[in-house]
C-alpha atoms as a PDB file:
ATOM      1  CA  MET A   1       0.000   0.000   0.000  1.00  0.00           C
ATOM      2  CA  SER A   2       2.822   2.427   0.814  1.00  0.00           C
ATOM      3  CA  GLN A   3       4.196   2.037  -2.699  1.00  0.00           C
ATOM      4  CA  LEU A   4       0.872   3.043  -4.256  1.00  0.00           C
ATOM      5  CA  ILE A   5       0.540   6.023  -1.920  1.00  0.00           C
ATOM      6  CA  ALA A   6       4.105   7.125  -2.677  1.00  0.00           C
ATOM      7  CA  GLN A   7       3.505   6.771  -6.412  1.00  0.00           C
ATOM      8  CA  ILE A   8       0.336   8.882  -6.248  1.00  0.00           C
ATOM      9  CA  GLY A   9       2.192  11.534  -4.252  1.00  0.00           C
ATOM     10  CA  ALA A  10       5.109  11.460  -6.689  1.00  0.00           C
ATOM     11  CA  MET A  11       2.692  11.905  -9.598  1.00  0.00           C
ATOM     12  CA  ALA A  12       1.194  14.960  -7.887  1.00  0.00           C
ATOM     13  CA  ILE A  13       4.704  16.341  -7.386  1.00  0.00           C
ATOM     14  CA  ALA A  14       5.521  15.559 -11.039  1.00  0.00           C
ATOM     15  CA  ALA A  15       2.463  17.544 -12.145  1.00  0.00           C
ATOM     16  CA  VAL A  16       3.728  20.560 -10.208  1.00  0.00           C
ATOM     17  CA  MET A  17       7.184  20.028 -11.737  1.00  0.00           C
ATOM     18  CA  ILE A  18       5.656  20.111 -15.231  1.00  0.00           C
ATOM     19  CA  PHE A  19       3.929  23.369 -14.319  1.00  0.00           C
ATOM     20  CA  GLN A  20       7.260  24.802 -13.138  1.00  0.00           C
ATOM     21  CA  ILE A  21       8.883  23.830 -16.455  1.00  0.00           C
ATOM     22  CA  ALA A  22       6.072  25.547 -18.333  1.00  0.00           C
ATOM     23  CA  VAL A  23       6.451  28.735 -16.290  1.00  0.00           C
ATOM     24  CA  LEU A  24      10.229  28.598 -16.695  1.00  0.00           C
ATOM     25  CA  ALA A  25       9.772  28.279 -20.462  1.00  0.00           C
ATOM     26  CA  GLY A  26       7.601  31.393 -20.555  1.00  0.00           C
ATOM     27  CA  ALA A  27       4.056  30.077 -20.281  1.00  0.00           C
ATOM     28  CA  PRO A  28       1.719  32.884 -19.161  1.00  0.00           C
ATOM     29  CA  TYR A  29       0.676  31.287 -15.852  1.00  0.00           C
ATOM     30  CA  GLY A  30       2.004  33.880 -13.434  1.00  0.00           C
ATOM     31  CA  ALA A  31      -1.425  34.277 -11.826  1.00  0.00           C
ATOM     32  CA  TYR A  32      -1.156  30.669 -10.621  1.00  0.00           C
ATOM     33  CA  THR A  33       2.211  30.949  -8.909  1.00  0.00           C
ATOM     34  CA  GLN A  34       4.309  33.130  -6.622  1.00  0.00           C
ATOM     35  CA  ARG A  35       1.276  34.731  -5.010  1.00  0.00           C
ATOM     36  CA  GLY A  36      -0.040  35.844  -8.427  1.00  0.00           C
ATOM     37  CA  ARG A  37       2.193  38.935  -8.386  1.00  0.00           C
ATOM     38  CA  HIS A  38       2.999  38.683 -12.081  1.00  0.00           C
ATOM     39  CA  PRO A  39      -0.035  37.667 -14.145  1.00  0.00           C
ATOM     40  CA  GLY A  40       1.137  36.414 -17.488  1.00  0.00           C
ATOM     41  CA  VAL A  41       4.779  35.554 -18.138  1.00  0.00           C
ATOM     42  CA  LEU A  42       7.047  35.665 -15.092  1.00  0.00           C
ATOM     43  CA  PRO A  43      10.059  37.983 -15.095  1.00  0.00           C
ATOM     44  CA  LEU A  44      13.555  36.479 -14.948  1.00  0.00           C
ATOM     45  CA  ALA A  45      13.620  36.431 -11.142  1.00  0.00           C
ATOM     46  CA  GLY A  46      10.319  34.536 -11.076  1.00  0.00           C
ATOM     47  CA  ARG A  47      11.653  32.029 -13.578  1.00  0.00           C
ATOM     48  CA  ILE A  48      14.714  31.450 -11.418  1.00  0.00           C
ATOM     49  CA  VAL A  49      12.393  30.740  -8.493  1.00  0.00           C
ATOM     50  CA  ALA A  50      10.522  28.257 -10.716  1.00  0.00           C
ATOM     51  CA  ALA A  51      13.806  26.515 -11.580  1.00  0.00           C
ATOM     52  CA  VAL A  52      14.772  26.217  -7.917  1.00  0.00           C
ATOM     53  CA  SER A  53      11.273  24.967  -7.105  1.00  0.00           C
ATOM     54  CA  PHE A  54      11.629  22.319  -9.796  1.00  0.00           C
ATOM     55  CA  LEU A  55      14.842  21.030  -8.193  1.00  0.00           C
ATOM     56  CA  VAL A  56      13.326  21.027  -4.696  1.00  0.00           C
ATOM     57  CA  LEU A  57      10.291  19.141  -6.002  1.00  0.00           C
ATOM     58  CA  ALA A  58      12.539  16.533  -7.632  1.00  0.00           C
ATOM     59  CA  VAL A  59      14.251  15.897  -4.293  1.00  0.00           C
ATOM     60  CA  MET A  60      10.868  15.705  -2.562  1.00  0.00           C
ATOM     61  CA  ALA A  61       9.597  13.108  -5.039  1.00  0.00           C
ATOM     62  CA  ALA A  62      12.762  11.036  -4.651  1.00  0.00           C
ATOM     63  CA  ALA A  63      12.479  11.157  -0.840  1.00  0.00           C
ATOM     64  CA  LEU A  64       8.818  10.161  -0.926  1.00  0.00           C
ATOM     65  CA  LEU A  65       9.479   7.255  -3.269  1.00  0.00           C
ATOM     66  CA  ALA A  66      12.522   6.120  -1.255  1.00  0.00           C
ATOM     67  CA  ARG A  67      10.362   5.799   1.846  1.00  0.00           C
ATOM     68  CA  ALA A  68       8.401   3.119  -0.029  1.00  0.00           C
ATOM     69  CA  GLY A  69      11.534   1.461  -1.390  1.00  0.00           C
ATOM     70  CA  LEU A  70      11.141   2.966  -4.869  1.00  0.00           C
ATOM     71  CA  GLY A  71      12.888   5.505  -7.063  1.00  0.00           C
ATOM     72  CA  PRO A  72      16.469   6.648  -7.483  1.00  0.00           C
ATOM     73  CA  LEU A  73      17.170   6.805  -3.732  1.00  0.00           C
ATOM     74  CA  ALA A  74      15.696   3.402  -2.872  1.00  0.00           C
ATOM     75  CA  GLY A  75      18.116   1.514  -0.689  1.00  0.00           C
ATOM     76  CA  ALA A  76      20.194   4.592   0.136  1.00  0.00           C
ATOM     77  CA  ASP A  77      21.612   5.038   3.611  1.00  0.00           C
ATOM     78  CA  PRO A  78      18.808   5.820   6.090  1.00  0.00           C
ATOM     79  CA  THR A  79      21.002   8.456   7.751  1.00  0.00           C
ATOM     80  CA  LEU A  80      20.710  10.396   4.475  1.00  0.00           C
ATOM     81  CA  LEU A  81      17.090   9.554   3.748  1.00  0.00           C
ATOM     82  CA  ARG A  82      15.639  10.340   7.167  1.00  0.00           C
ATOM     83  CA  PRO A  83      16.503  14.078   7.184  1.00  0.00           C
ATOM     84  CA  LEU A  84      15.745  14.310   3.469  1.00  0.00           C
ATOM     85  CA  TRP A  85      12.276  12.844   4.026  1.00  0.00           C
ATOM     86  CA  TRP A  86      11.522  15.037   7.053  1.00  0.00           C
ATOM     87  CA  GLY A  87      12.834  18.121   5.263  1.00  0.00           C
ATOM     88  CA  SER A  88      10.658  17.298   2.267  1.00  0.00           C
ATOM     89  CA  LEU A  89       7.619  16.956   4.498  1.00  0.00           C
ATOM     90  CA  ALA A  90       8.420  20.333   6.072  1.00  0.00           C
ATOM     91  CA  VAL A  91       8.694  21.940   2.617  1.00  0.00           C
ATOM     92  CA  ALA A  92       5.395  20.327   1.615  1.00  0.00           C
ATOM     93  CA  ILE A  93       3.679  21.764   4.704  1.00  0.00           C
ATOM     94  CA  LEU A  94       5.139  25.235   4.165  1.00  0.00           C
ATOM     95  CA  SER A  95       4.143  25.115   0.490  1.00  0.00           C
ATOM     96  CA  ALA A  96       0.604  24.126   1.378  1.00  0.00           C
ATOM     97  CA  VAL A  97       0.307  26.989   3.847  1.00  0.00           C
ATOM     98  CA  ALA A  98       1.669  29.425   1.255  1.00  0.00           C
ATOM     99  CA  ASN A  99      -0.632  28.108  -1.465  1.00  0.00           C
ATOM    100  CA  LEU A 100      -3.731  28.082   0.727  1.00  0.00           C
ATOM    101  CA  ARG A 101      -3.029  31.610   2.013  1.00  0.00           C
ATOM    102  CA  SER A 102      -2.021  33.092  -1.339  1.00  0.00           C
ATOM    103  CA  PRO A 103      -3.754  36.329  -2.346  1.00  0.00           C
ATOM    104  CA  SER A 104      -4.152  34.727  -5.785  1.00  0.00           C
ATOM    105  CA  ALA A 105      -7.469  32.896  -5.964  1.00  0.00           C
ATOM    106  CA  ASP A 106      -6.153  30.986  -8.979  1.00  0.00           C
ATOM    107  CA  GLU A 107      -3.146  29.729  -7.013  1.00  0.00           C
ATOM    108  CA  ARG A 108      -5.317  28.750  -4.026  1.00  0.00           C
ATOM    109  CA  ARG A 109      -7.766  26.816  -6.212  1.00  0.00           C
ATOM    110  CA  MET A 110      -5.118  25.062  -8.288  1.00  0.00           C
ATOM    111  CA  PHE A 111      -2.327  24.306  -5.848  1.00  0.00           C
ATOM    112  CA  GLY A 112      -4.096  24.253  -2.484  1.00  0.00           C
ATOM    113  CA  PRO A 113      -5.639  20.805  -3.064  1.00  0.00           C
ATOM    114  CA  VAL A 114      -2.483  19.476  -4.740  1.00  0.00           C
ATOM    115  CA  SER A 115      -0.385  20.627  -1.771  1.00  0.00           C
ATOM    116  CA  VAL A 116      -2.688  18.883   0.677  1.00  0.00           C
ATOM    117  CA  LEU A 117      -2.565  15.696  -1.426  1.00  0.00           C
ATOM    118  CA  ILE A 118       1.233  15.772  -1.325  1.00  0.00           C
ATOM    119  CA  ILE A 119       1.232  16.145   2.470  1.00  0.00           C
ATOM    120  CA  LEU A 120      -1.215  13.254   2.790  1.00  0.00           C
ATOM    121  CA  ALA A 121       1.030  11.098   0.617  1.00  0.00           C
ATOM    122  CA  PHE A 122       3.999  11.827   2.879  1.00  0.00           C
ATOM    123  CA  VAL A 123       2.055  11.136   6.071  1.00  0.00           C
ATOM    124  CA  LEU A 124       0.272   8.016   4.815  1.00  0.00           C
ATOM    125  CA  SER A 125       3.390   6.558   3.248  1.00  0.00           C
ATOM    126  CA  ALA A 126       5.214   6.982   6.557  1.00  0.00           C
ATOM    127  CA  GLY A 127       2.538   5.054   8.391  1.00  0.00           C
ATOM    128  CA  SER A 128       2.635   2.067   6.090  1.00  0.00           C
ATOM    129  CA  ALA A 129       6.184   2.066   4.751  1.00  0.00           C
ATOM    130  CA  PRO A 130       8.456  -0.951   5.113  1.00  0.00           C
ATOM    131  CA  SER A 131      11.507   1.335   5.082  1.00  0.00           C
ATOM    132  CA  PRO A 132      13.688   1.438   8.222  1.00  0.00           C
ATOM    133  CA  PHE A 133      13.607   5.214   8.345  1.00  0.00           C
END
C-alpha cells in the first residue's frame, strides 16, 4: 500500500514540476504561482524561483518514493534519507500553507488541493512504509 501512496504523491509532485517547467519556459501562468504577483509571463527572477522549485520538487519526489523502497534513492543510507524525508515533508507543509493563504485565488484553487494531497502522501506513506527510516 505504501508504494501506491508514494507513487500517487510522486505523480502529484511531477504535475507541479511540469507546471514549473512551463512557467520557466515562458508560459503565461504567473497568476497561478508566486502569489499571483505577475499575471502572465514571469520575469527572470520569477523564472529562477521556478527553476529552484523544480529542483526542490525533484528531491521531494525522490524522498517520498525512497520511503516506499522505490525511485532513485531506494536503498540509500537511512542516515541520508531520514533528514531528506523530514525536510521534504516540512517543505510540503510550508508550500501548502503558502498556497492556501495566497492572495491569488487561482493559485489557491489550483495548488491548495495538490499541496494537501502531497502532504497526505507523505504522512500516509510513513505510516505504512516498510523502510527502516
